[in-house]
N, C-alpha and C. Protein backbone atom coordinates (compact mmCIF):
# COMPACT_ATOMS: atom_id res chain seq x y z
N UNK A 1 0.80 14.80 8.14
CA UNK A 1 -0.25 14.36 7.23
C UNK A 1 -0.85 13.06 7.77
N UNK A 2 -2.13 12.92 7.60
CA UNK A 2 -2.83 11.74 8.08
C UNK A 2 -3.70 11.21 6.95
N UNK A 3 -3.39 10.02 6.49
CA UNK A 3 -4.20 9.36 5.47
C UNK A 3 -4.75 8.10 6.10
N UNK A 4 -6.02 7.88 5.93
CA UNK A 4 -6.65 6.69 6.50
C UNK A 4 -7.03 5.74 5.39
N UNK A 5 -6.54 4.50 5.48
CA UNK A 5 -6.85 3.46 4.52
C UNK A 5 -7.62 2.35 5.22
N UNK A 6 -8.29 1.51 4.45
CA UNK A 6 -9.07 0.43 5.03
C UNK A 6 -8.40 -0.90 4.77
N UNK A 7 -7.95 -1.55 5.83
CA UNK A 7 -7.37 -2.88 5.74
C UNK A 7 -8.47 -3.91 5.92
N UNK A 8 -8.48 -4.91 5.07
CA UNK A 8 -9.47 -5.98 5.15
C UNK A 8 -8.73 -7.29 5.41
N UNK A 9 -9.18 -8.02 6.44
CA UNK A 9 -8.57 -9.29 6.81
C UNK A 9 -9.63 -10.38 6.73
N UNK A 10 -9.25 -11.49 6.15
CA UNK A 10 -10.18 -12.62 6.06
C UNK A 10 -9.46 -13.87 6.53
N UNK A 11 -10.09 -14.56 7.47
CA UNK A 11 -9.51 -15.80 7.95
C UNK A 11 -9.79 -16.90 6.94
N UNK A 12 -8.75 -17.66 6.60
CA UNK A 12 -8.83 -18.79 5.69
C UNK A 12 -8.17 -19.98 6.39
N UNK A 13 -8.34 -21.17 5.86
CA UNK A 13 -7.74 -22.34 6.54
C UNK A 13 -6.23 -22.22 6.79
N UNK A 14 -5.53 -21.51 5.91
CA UNK A 14 -4.07 -21.38 6.04
C UNK A 14 -3.66 -20.25 6.98
N UNK A 15 -4.58 -19.43 7.44
CA UNK A 15 -4.27 -18.29 8.30
C UNK A 15 -5.15 -17.10 7.95
N UNK A 16 -4.53 -16.02 7.48
CA UNK A 16 -5.28 -14.81 7.12
C UNK A 16 -4.76 -14.25 5.81
N UNK A 17 -5.68 -13.74 5.00
CA UNK A 17 -5.31 -12.95 3.83
C UNK A 17 -5.72 -11.52 4.14
N UNK A 18 -5.01 -10.58 3.51
CA UNK A 18 -5.27 -9.17 3.81
C UNK A 18 -5.03 -8.31 2.58
N UNK A 19 -5.79 -7.22 2.47
CA UNK A 19 -5.58 -6.26 1.40
C UNK A 19 -6.07 -4.89 1.85
N UNK A 20 -5.69 -3.88 1.09
CA UNK A 20 -6.15 -2.51 1.35
C UNK A 20 -7.14 -2.14 0.26
N UNK A 21 -8.34 -1.77 0.65
CA UNK A 21 -9.40 -1.48 -0.32
C UNK A 21 -9.00 -0.37 -1.29
N UNK A 22 -8.33 0.66 -0.79
CA UNK A 22 -8.05 1.85 -1.59
C UNK A 22 -6.72 1.79 -2.35
N UNK A 23 -5.98 0.70 -2.20
CA UNK A 23 -4.64 0.65 -2.79
C UNK A 23 -4.43 -0.68 -3.51
N UNK A 24 -4.82 -0.75 -4.79
CA UNK A 24 -4.63 -1.99 -5.53
C UNK A 24 -3.17 -2.46 -5.48
N UNK A 25 -2.99 -3.74 -5.30
CA UNK A 25 -1.65 -4.30 -5.23
C UNK A 25 -1.13 -4.48 -3.82
N UNK A 26 -1.76 -3.83 -2.86
CA UNK A 26 -1.33 -3.97 -1.47
C UNK A 26 -2.12 -5.13 -0.86
N UNK A 27 -1.55 -6.33 -0.98
CA UNK A 27 -2.20 -7.50 -0.43
C UNK A 27 -1.14 -8.47 0.06
N UNK A 28 -1.53 -9.33 0.98
CA UNK A 28 -0.57 -10.23 1.60
C UNK A 28 -1.31 -11.33 2.33
N UNK A 29 -0.56 -12.09 3.10
CA UNK A 29 -1.14 -13.14 3.94
C UNK A 29 -0.26 -13.33 5.16
N UNK A 30 -0.75 -14.09 6.11
CA UNK A 30 0.02 -14.41 7.32
C UNK A 30 -0.60 -15.57 8.04
N UNK A 31 0.22 -16.24 8.83
CA UNK A 31 -0.27 -17.37 9.62
C UNK A 31 -1.21 -16.91 10.72
N UNK A 32 -0.96 -15.71 11.24
CA UNK A 32 -1.79 -15.13 12.30
C UNK A 32 -2.27 -13.75 11.86
N UNK A 33 -3.25 -13.22 12.57
CA UNK A 33 -3.75 -11.89 12.26
C UNK A 33 -2.66 -10.85 12.44
N UNK A 34 -1.87 -10.97 13.49
CA UNK A 34 -0.78 -10.02 13.72
C UNK A 34 0.26 -10.08 12.61
N UNK A 35 0.59 -11.27 12.15
CA UNK A 35 1.55 -11.41 11.05
C UNK A 35 0.98 -10.79 9.77
N UNK A 36 -0.30 -11.02 9.51
CA UNK A 36 -0.93 -10.43 8.33
C UNK A 36 -0.92 -8.90 8.43
N UNK A 37 -1.17 -8.34 9.60
CA UNK A 37 -1.12 -6.88 9.79
C UNK A 37 0.27 -6.35 9.50
N UNK A 38 1.28 -7.01 10.04
CA UNK A 38 2.66 -6.58 9.83
C UNK A 38 3.04 -6.68 8.36
N UNK A 39 2.68 -7.79 7.74
CA UNK A 39 2.99 -7.97 6.32
C UNK A 39 2.26 -6.95 5.45
N UNK A 40 1.04 -6.58 5.85
CA UNK A 40 0.28 -5.60 5.07
C UNK A 40 0.93 -4.22 5.15
N UNK A 41 1.42 -3.84 6.32
CA UNK A 41 2.11 -2.56 6.44
C UNK A 41 3.32 -2.53 5.51
N UNK A 42 4.05 -3.62 5.43
CA UNK A 42 5.20 -3.71 4.54
C UNK A 42 4.76 -3.66 3.08
N UNK A 43 3.67 -4.34 2.76
CA UNK A 43 3.16 -4.34 1.39
C UNK A 43 2.76 -2.93 0.95
N UNK A 44 2.15 -2.16 1.85
CA UNK A 44 1.77 -0.78 1.53
C UNK A 44 3.01 0.04 1.20
N UNK A 45 4.05 -0.08 2.02
CA UNK A 45 5.29 0.65 1.76
C UNK A 45 5.88 0.28 0.41
N UNK A 46 5.90 -1.01 0.10
CA UNK A 46 6.47 -1.48 -1.16
C UNK A 46 5.68 -0.95 -2.35
N UNK A 47 4.35 -1.00 -2.28
CA UNK A 47 3.52 -0.52 -3.39
C UNK A 47 3.75 0.97 -3.61
N UNK A 48 3.78 1.76 -2.54
CA UNK A 48 3.99 3.20 -2.68
C UNK A 48 5.37 3.51 -3.24
N UNK A 49 6.40 2.84 -2.73
CA UNK A 49 7.76 3.07 -3.23
C UNK A 49 7.88 2.66 -4.70
N UNK A 50 7.29 1.54 -5.06
CA UNK A 50 7.35 1.06 -6.45
C UNK A 50 6.61 2.00 -7.39
N UNK A 51 5.41 2.43 -6.99
CA UNK A 51 4.65 3.36 -7.84
C UNK A 51 5.40 4.66 -8.03
N UNK A 52 6.04 5.16 -6.98
CA UNK A 52 6.82 6.39 -7.07
C UNK A 52 7.99 6.20 -8.04
N UNK A 53 8.70 5.10 -7.92
CA UNK A 53 9.85 4.84 -8.79
C UNK A 53 9.42 4.70 -10.25
N UNK A 54 8.31 4.01 -10.49
CA UNK A 54 7.81 3.86 -11.86
C UNK A 54 7.42 5.20 -12.46
N UNK A 55 6.76 6.04 -11.66
CA UNK A 55 6.36 7.37 -12.14
C UNK A 55 7.58 8.22 -12.44
N UNK A 56 8.58 8.19 -11.56
CA UNK A 56 9.80 8.97 -11.78
C UNK A 56 10.50 8.53 -13.06
N UNK A 57 10.55 7.24 -13.30
CA UNK A 57 11.20 6.72 -14.51
C UNK A 57 10.43 7.15 -15.76
N UNK A 58 9.12 7.06 -15.71
CA UNK A 58 8.29 7.43 -16.86
C UNK A 58 8.39 8.92 -17.17
N UNK A 59 8.58 9.74 -16.14
CA UNK A 59 8.61 11.19 -16.32
C UNK A 59 10.03 11.75 -16.46
N UNK A 60 11.03 10.89 -16.42
CA UNK A 60 12.41 11.34 -16.50
C UNK A 60 12.62 12.18 -17.76
N UNK A 61 13.19 13.38 -17.56
CA UNK A 61 13.47 14.28 -18.68
C UNK A 61 12.30 15.13 -19.12
N UNK A 62 11.13 14.93 -18.52
CA UNK A 62 9.95 15.72 -18.88
C UNK A 62 9.80 16.87 -17.90
N UNK A 63 9.24 17.96 -18.39
CA UNK A 63 9.01 19.14 -17.56
C UNK A 63 7.69 18.94 -16.82
N UNK A 64 7.78 18.69 -15.53
CA UNK A 64 6.58 18.45 -14.71
C UNK A 64 6.63 19.29 -13.45
N UNK A 65 5.51 19.43 -12.83
CA UNK A 65 5.41 20.10 -11.52
C UNK A 65 5.05 19.04 -10.51
N UNK A 66 5.84 18.94 -9.46
CA UNK A 66 5.55 18.00 -8.38
C UNK A 66 5.21 18.80 -7.13
N UNK A 67 4.17 18.38 -6.45
CA UNK A 67 3.82 19.00 -5.18
C UNK A 67 3.14 17.98 -4.29
N UNK A 68 3.23 18.17 -3.00
CA UNK A 68 2.59 17.27 -2.05
C UNK A 68 1.10 17.58 -1.96
N UNK A 69 0.35 16.55 -1.72
CA UNK A 69 -1.09 16.69 -1.50
C UNK A 69 -1.36 16.24 -0.08
N UNK A 70 -2.06 17.06 0.66
CA UNK A 70 -2.44 16.70 2.03
C UNK A 70 -3.91 16.35 2.03
N UNK A 71 -4.21 15.16 2.47
CA UNK A 71 -5.59 14.69 2.50
C UNK A 71 -6.17 14.90 3.89
N UNK A 72 -7.30 15.54 3.95
CA UNK A 72 -7.97 15.75 5.24
C UNK A 72 -8.79 14.51 5.57
N UNK A 73 -8.78 14.14 6.82
CA UNK A 73 -9.55 12.97 7.25
C UNK A 73 -11.01 13.29 7.34
């Protein structure tokens, strides 16, 4: 599966801030552009894992259908 997201980086006096346009909550900062990129990849993983865990908890004991969605680029 291939999903393409848009990372936005902005240089500020303290270094760089970064976020993903399509994924609210996935934001971070870094002293360098490379550090901000690395931190953003970690932030994306954390947001996805957290959202999954919250959904599983909310749906616990409910009869639901789960299936994967493949997004075409």
